[in-house]
Protein backbone atom coordinates (compact mmCIF):
# COMPACT_ATOMS: atom_id res chain seq x y z
CA UNK A 1 98.62 -128.86 -147.44
CA UNK A 2 100.93 -126.99 -145.04
CA UNK A 3 100.25 -123.64 -146.71
CA UNK A 4 96.47 -124.19 -146.62
CA UNK A 5 96.61 -125.16 -142.92
CA UNK A 6 98.54 -121.99 -142.08
CA UNK A 7 96.15 -119.81 -144.08
CA UNK A 8 93.06 -121.28 -142.42
CA UNK A 9 94.60 -120.87 -138.98
CA UNK A 10 95.08 -117.19 -139.77
CA UNK A 11 91.32 -117.06 -140.49
CA UNK A 12 90.50 -118.43 -137.03
CA UNK A 13 90.05 -122.12 -137.81
CA UNK A 14 91.57 -124.91 -135.70
CA UNK A 15 93.32 -127.04 -138.31
CA UNK A 16 95.17 -130.35 -138.43
CA UNK A 17 96.95 -131.48 -141.59
CA UNK A 18 97.50 -135.00 -142.90
CA UNK A 19 99.63 -136.15 -145.85
CA UNK A 20 97.55 -139.27 -146.62
CA UNK A 21 94.11 -140.72 -146.19
CA UNK A 22 95.29 -143.23 -143.59
CA UNK A 23 96.95 -140.50 -141.55
CA UNK A 24 93.77 -138.42 -141.70
CA UNK A 25 91.61 -141.36 -140.57
CA UNK A 26 93.94 -141.88 -137.62
CA UNK A 27 93.42 -138.22 -136.66
CA UNK A 28 89.64 -138.59 -136.96
CA UNK A 29 89.68 -141.58 -134.65
CA UNK A 30 91.77 -139.77 -132.04
CA UNK A 31 89.85 -136.45 -131.75
CA UNK A 32 86.60 -134.88 -133.01
CA UNK A 33 86.50 -132.79 -136.19
CA UNK A 34 83.66 -130.82 -137.80
CA UNK A 35 84.92 -130.73 -141.39
CA UNK A 36 87.39 -132.40 -143.69
CA UNK A 37 88.92 -130.70 -146.73
CA UNK A 38 90.33 -133.50 -148.88
CA UNK A 39 92.12 -133.67 -152.20
CA UNK A 40 90.32 -135.87 -154.71
CA UNK A 41 93.50 -137.42 -156.15
CA UNK A 42 95.82 -138.86 -153.51
CA UNK A 43 98.19 -141.83 -153.47
CA UNK A 44 96.98 -145.14 -151.96
CA UNK A 45 93.53 -143.78 -150.99
CA UNK A 46 91.64 -141.25 -153.14
CA UNK A 47 89.25 -138.65 -151.75
CA UNK A 48 86.10 -140.70 -152.39
CA UNK A 49 87.41 -143.76 -150.54
CA UNK A 50 88.60 -141.53 -147.71
CA UNK A 51 85.17 -139.87 -147.32
CA UNK A 52 83.45 -143.24 -147.22
CA UNK A 53 85.72 -144.37 -144.37
CA UNK A 54 85.57 -140.98 -142.62
CA UNK A 55 81.77 -141.07 -142.49
CA UNK A 56 81.98 -144.45 -140.79
CA UNK A 57 84.00 -142.78 -138.04
CA UNK A 58 81.61 -139.80 -137.76
CA UNK A 59 78.33 -139.97 -139.75
CA UNK A 60 77.74 -136.24 -139.15
CA UNK A 61 81.11 -135.15 -140.55
CA UNK A 62 80.99 -132.74 -143.51
CA UNK A 63 83.46 -133.06 -146.36
CA UNK A 64 84.68 -130.76 -149.14
CA UNK A 65 86.63 -132.12 -152.09
CA UNK A 66 89.45 -130.25 -153.85
CA UNK A 67 89.97 -131.13 -157.48
CA UNK A 68 91.36 -129.93 -160.79
CA UNK A 69 89.19 -128.91 -163.78
CA UNK A 70 89.65 -132.25 -165.50
CA UNK A 71 88.23 -134.19 -162.52
CA UNK A 72 85.03 -132.21 -161.91
CA UNK A 73 82.75 -135.18 -162.90
CA UNK A 74 84.60 -137.28 -160.33
CA UNK A 75 84.10 -134.54 -157.74
CA UNK A 76 80.38 -134.58 -158.43
CA UNK A 77 80.47 -138.33 -157.88
CA UNK A 78 82.19 -137.67 -154.55
CA UNK A 79 79.23 -135.52 -153.51
CA UNK A 80 76.96 -138.49 -154.08
CA UNK A 81 79.01 -140.50 -151.62
CA UNK A 82 78.99 -137.89 -148.86
CA UNK A 83 80.83 -134.69 -149.82
CA UNK A 84 78.97 -131.44 -149.19
CA UNK A 85 80.70 -129.42 -151.94
CA UNK A 86 83.82 -129.21 -154.04
CA UNK A 87 86.29 -126.47 -154.99
CA UNK A 88 88.36 -126.36 -158.16
CA UNK A 89 92.11 -125.80 -157.91
CA UNK A 90 93.70 -123.37 -158.03
CA UNK A 91 91.25 -121.44 -155.81
CA UNK A 92 91.27 -118.18 -153.92
CA UNK A 93 90.69 -117.94 -150.20
CA UNK A 94 87.77 -115.57 -150.83
CA UNK A 95 86.01 -118.40 -152.71
CA UNK A 96 86.92 -121.13 -150.22
CA UNK A 97 85.74 -119.39 -147.03
CA UNK A 98 82.02 -119.21 -148.02
CA UNK A 99 82.15 -122.91 -148.93
CA UNK A 100 83.59 -123.72 -145.50
CA UNK A 101 80.92 -121.61 -143.77
CA UNK A 102 78.11 -123.39 -145.63
CA UNK A 103 79.59 -126.77 -144.81
CA UNK A 104 79.90 -125.93 -141.12
CA UNK A 105 76.29 -124.73 -141.11
CA UNK A 106 75.29 -128.12 -142.50
CA UNK A 107 77.35 -129.78 -139.77
CA UNK A 108 75.47 -127.78 -137.15
CA UNK A 109 72.12 -128.79 -138.63
CA UNK A 110 73.14 -132.44 -138.69
CA UNK A 111 74.11 -132.36 -135.03
CA UNK A 112 70.89 -130.55 -134.08
CA UNK A 113 68.80 -133.04 -136.03
CA UNK A 114 70.60 -135.92 -134.37
CA UNK A 115 69.94 -134.41 -130.95
CA UNK A 116 66.29 -133.84 -131.82
CA UNK A 117 65.94 -137.43 -133.04
CA UNK A 118 67.53 -138.61 -129.80
CA UNK A 119 65.12 -136.50 -127.76
CA UNK A 120 62.16 -137.73 -129.81
CA UNK A 121 63.28 -141.31 -129.27
CA UNK A 122 63.61 -140.75 -125.54
CA UNK A 123 60.26 -138.98 -125.39
CA UNK A 124 58.61 -141.76 -127.38
CA UNK A 125 59.99 -144.34 -124.96
CA UNK A 126 58.75 -142.24 -122.03
CA UNK A 127 55.29 -141.94 -123.58
CA UNK A 128 55.14 -145.68 -124.21
CA UNK A 129 55.99 -146.28 -120.57
CA UNK A 130 53.41 -143.68 -119.47
CA UNK A 131 50.79 -145.42 -121.60
CA UNK A 132 51.63 -148.72 -119.94
CA UNK A 133 51.39 -147.06 -116.53
CA UNK A 134 48.09 -145.46 -117.51
CA UNK A 135 46.69 -148.79 -118.66
CA UNK A 136 47.69 -150.30 -115.33
CA UNK A 137 46.17 -147.36 -113.50
CA UNK A 138 42.92 -147.65 -115.48
CA UNK A 139 42.71 -151.33 -114.63
CA UNK A 140 43.34 -150.53 -110.98
CA UNK A 141 40.71 -147.78 -110.99
CA UNK A 142 38.17 -149.99 -112.69
CA UNK A 143 38.70 -152.85 -110.26
CA UNK A 144 39.70 -151.20 -106.99
CA UNK A 145 37.16 -148.36 -107.05
CA UNK A 146 34.23 -150.12 -108.66
CA UNK A 147 34.36 -153.03 -106.20
CA UNK A 148 33.61 -150.95 -103.06
CA UNK A 149 31.01 -148.97 -105.00
CA UNK A 150 29.22 -152.19 -105.91
CA UNK A 151 29.36 -153.14 -102.23
CA UNK A 152 27.84 -149.78 -101.21
CA UNK A 153 25.16 -150.01 -103.87
CA UNK A 154 24.34 -153.65 -103.14
CA UNK A 155 24.02 -153.36 -99.39
CA UNK A 156 22.06 -150.12 -99.59
CA UNK A 157 19.65 -151.88 -101.97
CA UNK A 158 19.30 -154.74 -99.49
CA UNK A 159 18.75 -152.23 -96.70
CA UNK A 160 15.93 -150.51 -98.57
CA UNK A 161 14.40 -153.67 -99.99
CA UNK A 162 14.47 -155.96 -96.97
CA UNK A 163 14.55 -153.56 -94.05
CA UNK A 164 12.76 -150.56 -95.49
CA UNK A 165 9.76 -150.94 -93.21
CA UNK A 166 12.00 -150.68 -90.17
CA UNK A 167 13.56 -147.43 -91.42
CA UNK A 168 12.17 -144.02 -90.67
CA UNK A 169 11.12 -141.97 -93.74
CA UNK A 170 14.23 -139.82 -93.34
CA UNK A 171 16.53 -142.86 -93.07
CA UNK A 172 14.86 -144.40 -96.12
CA UNK A 173 15.49 -141.16 -98.05
CA UNK A 174 19.14 -141.04 -96.97
CA UNK A 175 19.77 -144.62 -98.10
CA UNK A 176 18.35 -143.62 -101.46
CA UNK A 177 20.84 -140.75 -101.62
CA UNK A 178 23.65 -143.22 -100.87
CA UNK A 179 22.52 -145.39 -103.77
CA UNK A 180 22.28 -142.43 -106.11
CA UNK A 181 25.73 -141.18 -105.10
CA UNK A 182 27.28 -144.60 -105.67
CA UNK A 183 25.64 -144.83 -109.10
CA UNK A 184 26.91 -141.35 -110.05
CA UNK A 185 30.42 -142.21 -108.89
CA UNK A 186 30.38 -145.44 -110.89
CA UNK A 187 29.26 -143.54 -114.00
CA UNK A 188 31.94 -140.92 -113.46
CA UNK A 189 34.63 -143.61 -113.21
CA UNK A 190 33.41 -145.24 -116.42
CA UNK A 191 33.33 -141.88 -118.22
CA UNK A 192 36.86 -141.02 -117.12
CA UNK A 193 38.19 -144.42 -118.17
CA UNK A 194 36.58 -144.01 -121.58
CA UNK A 195 37.98 -140.49 -121.89
CA UNK A 196 41.52 -141.62 -121.02
CA UNK A 197 41.44 -144.48 -123.53
CA UNK A 198 40.44 -142.14 -126.36
CA UNK A 199 43.82 -140.43 -126.20
CA UNK A 200 45.52 -143.65 -127.32
CA UNK A 201 42.92 -144.99 -129.73
CA UNK A 202 43.71 -144.27 -133.39
CA UNK A 203 40.56 -143.70 -135.50
CA UNK A 204 39.78 -146.47 -138.00
CA UNK A 205 38.86 -144.18 -140.88
CA UNK A 206 36.17 -145.10 -143.41
CA UNK A 207 33.12 -143.56 -145.09
CA UNK A 208 30.28 -143.05 -142.61
CA UNK A 209 26.58 -142.40 -143.23
CA UNK A 210 26.07 -139.83 -140.47
CA UNK A 211 22.32 -139.56 -141.03
CA UNK A 212 21.81 -143.24 -140.44
CA UNK A 213 24.22 -143.22 -137.50
CA UNK A 214 22.36 -140.29 -135.91
CA UNK A 215 18.96 -142.04 -136.14
CA UNK A 216 20.40 -145.25 -134.68
CA UNK A 217 21.84 -143.36 -131.71
CA UNK A 218 18.54 -141.55 -131.15
CA UNK A 219 16.75 -144.92 -130.97
CA UNK A 220 19.35 -146.17 -128.50
CA UNK A 221 18.49 -143.19 -126.27
CA UNK A 222 14.80 -144.14 -126.07
CA UNK A 223 15.08 -144.64 -122.32
CA UNK A 224 16.22 -141.06 -121.79
CA UNK A 225 13.15 -139.63 -123.54
CA UNK A 226 10.57 -142.08 -122.17
CA UNK A 227 7.29 -140.33 -121.39
CA UNK A 228 8.24 -137.23 -123.37
CA UNK A 229 7.61 -135.91 -126.83
CA UNK A 230 10.99 -135.39 -128.47
CA UNK A 231 11.04 -134.71 -132.20
CA UNK A 232 14.21 -135.43 -134.17
CA UNK A 233 14.67 -133.80 -137.56
CA UNK A 234 17.60 -135.08 -139.58
CA UNK A 235 18.55 -133.33 -142.80
CA UNK A 236 20.28 -135.13 -145.64
CA UNK A 237 23.83 -135.27 -144.31
CA UNK A 238 26.94 -135.55 -146.49
CA UNK A 239 28.87 -138.74 -145.83
CA UNK A 240 31.94 -138.18 -143.68
CA UNK A 241 35.35 -139.75 -143.29
CA UNK A 242 35.73 -141.13 -139.80
CA UNK A 243 35.62 -143.96 -137.29
CA UNK A 244 31.98 -145.13 -136.98
CA UNK A 245 32.38 -146.36 -133.40
CA UNK A 246 33.96 -143.10 -132.22
CA UNK A 247 31.50 -140.90 -134.12
CA UNK A 248 28.67 -142.88 -132.51
CA UNK A 249 30.03 -141.69 -129.14
CA UNK A 250 30.01 -138.08 -130.40
CA UNK A 251 26.36 -138.30 -131.46
CA UNK A 252 25.44 -140.13 -128.26
CA UNK A 253 26.85 -137.29 -126.18
CA UNK A 254 25.40 -134.48 -128.29
CA UNK A 255 21.93 -136.03 -128.64
CA UNK A 256 21.85 -137.06 -124.98
CA UNK A 257 22.66 -133.48 -124.00
CA UNK A 258 19.96 -132.17 -126.32
CA UNK A 259 17.39 -134.54 -124.82
CA UNK A 260 18.44 -133.60 -121.29
CA UNK A 261 18.42 -129.83 -121.71
CA UNK A 262 15.07 -129.76 -123.54
CA UNK A 263 13.35 -131.47 -120.61
CA UNK A 264 11.20 -128.39 -119.94
CA UNK A 265 10.12 -128.04 -123.59
CA UNK A 266 6.90 -129.41 -125.04
CA UNK A 267 7.62 -130.52 -127.61
CA UNK A 268 11.39 -130.84 -127.54
CA UNK A 269 12.94 -130.26 -130.97
CA UNK A 270 16.35 -131.56 -132.06
CA UNK A 271 17.65 -130.81 -135.53
CA UNK A 272 20.73 -132.41 -137.09
CA UNK A 273 22.06 -130.98 -140.33
CA UNK A 274 25.03 -129.70 -142.28
CA UNK A 275 26.05 -126.30 -143.62
CA UNK A 276 28.63 -125.30 -146.20
CA UNK A 277 32.38 -125.24 -145.54
CA UNK A 278 33.60 -122.85 -142.84
CA UNK A 279 37.31 -122.17 -143.29
CA UNK A 280 37.83 -125.78 -144.30
CA UNK A 281 37.33 -128.21 -147.19
CA UNK A 282 34.42 -130.16 -145.70
CA UNK A 283 30.90 -129.39 -144.45
CA UNK A 284 30.06 -128.22 -140.95
CA UNK A 285 27.70 -130.58 -139.14
CA UNK A 286 25.45 -129.36 -136.35
CA UNK A 287 23.11 -130.59 -133.62
CA UNK A 288 20.57 -127.92 -132.59
CA UNK A 289 17.96 -127.98 -129.82
CA UNK A 290 15.33 -125.69 -128.36
CA UNK A 291 16.41 -126.24 -124.77
CA UNK A 292 17.55 -124.01 -121.94
CA UNK A 293 20.76 -122.93 -123.71
CA UNK A 294 23.60 -121.18 -121.86
CA UNK A 295 25.47 -117.90 -121.63
CA UNK A 296 28.20 -117.71 -124.31
CA UNK A 297 30.64 -116.01 -121.93
CA UNK A 298 31.06 -119.43 -120.32
CA UNK A 299 31.34 -121.35 -123.60
CA UNK A 300 35.10 -121.92 -123.21
CA UNK A 301 34.40 -124.22 -120.26
CA UNK A 302 32.05 -126.51 -122.17
CA UNK A 303 34.60 -128.91 -123.58
CA UNK A 304 36.79 -129.24 -120.48
CA UNK A 305 36.57 -132.26 -118.18
CA UNK A 306 34.28 -131.71 -115.15
CA UNK A 307 33.15 -128.30 -116.41
CA UNK A 308 29.38 -127.83 -116.23
CA UNK A 309 27.23 -124.75 -116.86
CA UNK A 310 24.22 -126.02 -114.91
CA UNK A 311 23.92 -127.37 -111.37
CA UNK A 312 23.64 -131.13 -110.91
CA UNK A 313 20.33 -130.73 -109.06
CA UNK A 314 18.93 -129.21 -112.29
CA UNK A 315 20.51 -131.56 -114.84
CA UNK A 316 22.40 -134.75 -114.07
CA UNK A 317 25.76 -135.58 -115.63
CA UNK A 318 29.46 -135.98 -114.96
CA UNK A 319 30.86 -133.18 -117.13
CA UNK A 320 32.91 -135.57 -119.26
CA UNK A 321 30.68 -136.08 -122.32
CA UNK A 322 31.54 -132.92 -124.27
CA UNK A 323 35.25 -133.27 -123.43
CA UNK A 324 35.05 -136.77 -124.90
CA UNK A 325 33.30 -135.47 -128.02
CA UNK A 326 35.98 -132.83 -128.50
CA UNK A 327 38.80 -135.36 -128.12
CA UNK A 328 37.21 -137.62 -130.75
CA UNK A 329 36.59 -134.81 -133.23
CA UNK A 330 40.12 -133.44 -132.81
CA UNK A 331 41.60 -136.92 -133.30
CA UNK A 332 39.76 -136.94 -136.62
CA UNK A 333 41.45 -133.66 -137.56
CA UNK A 334 38.28 -131.61 -137.06
CA UNK A 335 37.08 -129.08 -134.52
CA UNK A 336 33.95 -128.60 -132.42
CA UNK A 337 32.32 -125.48 -130.97
CA UNK A 338 28.97 -124.25 -129.71
CA UNK A 339 26.63 -121.28 -129.99
CA UNK A 340 23.75 -120.59 -127.61
CA UNK A 341 21.76 -118.08 -125.59
CA UNK A 342 19.92 -118.54 -122.28
CA UNK A 343 16.46 -120.04 -122.81
CA UNK A 344 16.98 -119.98 -126.59
CA UNK A 345 18.51 -123.39 -127.21
CA UNK A 346 22.02 -124.43 -128.19
CA UNK A 347 23.76 -125.52 -131.37
CA UNK A 348 26.87 -127.66 -131.45
CA UNK A 349 28.95 -127.54 -134.63
CA UNK A 350 31.74 -129.89 -135.69
CA UNK A 351 33.83 -130.62 -138.77
CA UNK A 352 35.23 -133.87 -140.12
CA UNK A 353 37.64 -134.71 -142.94
CA UNK A 354 36.06 -134.46 -146.37
CA UNK A 355 35.77 -137.63 -148.42
CA UNK A 356 38.34 -137.65 -151.20
CA UNK A 357 37.43 -138.62 -154.72
């Protein structure tokens, strides 16, 4: 033991020697060590028992067992209880040093992993607290902002309905603008609340008939196409793996956009279909329209919150719908993108997980 300690010190190691397992455990409890080099056969406490106790003191400690040829099976057993490696006596320093280096590398990885796990735990706790704060904020927004908006909307309605005759034409028009602004603000608040909740909502995955879902959503949007001729063509769509409620929101946003931006077309045409795989295992679904389209140099803005490619006086909206669709698709493990040209319509593509089996 003394000779080995002196030799390792000459190689640059900081070494402490102990003549028994109990003495070594006392050293471990008094100061930190990275590695223990322990003889397998020792009086009172053998190497396996020592390693078991040593790892209780420091779970990230690395151990190397020294043994004779006859005890190699026992040394292998020691590795199952926590040793990193073993060396057979008598050994040369040239053979021992690489074993020590590997063991110290393992020690470094253990400490890094422990630090990462600690950071992940702290970050998880922070995120849980942020989610609680966000829930409280959403409740506050919903209550504290919607209440004055309802007041503005309600009293402006009373003003127009009961006192409209006393208002000048210009005043009557301005009250109408107040009502419209309050309604837009209320819709924007609702859209933002829905968008924020999506970040914490895990998809409830199941098989979804997208063709049926698409037609149902189109019927729900009857009010948006009232008085217009809007033709929907739905191809036979492969079933997808996804959350039906969340995918309904995706189709609601994409079809609503298609209805809106085909307002100047007679008739308006909306086609929903699927193409073959594109750099992925599943099909690529699309929603295509013959509307006003957009310039592709601005396409990167489409899926960001509040980003709009048309003025609000041309087409209403809050600029949250496509950002919501993207968040839902990405939470399903898919992606969404668009292709278009001015006055030549737009096509929105998205992918979803393929159905297994």
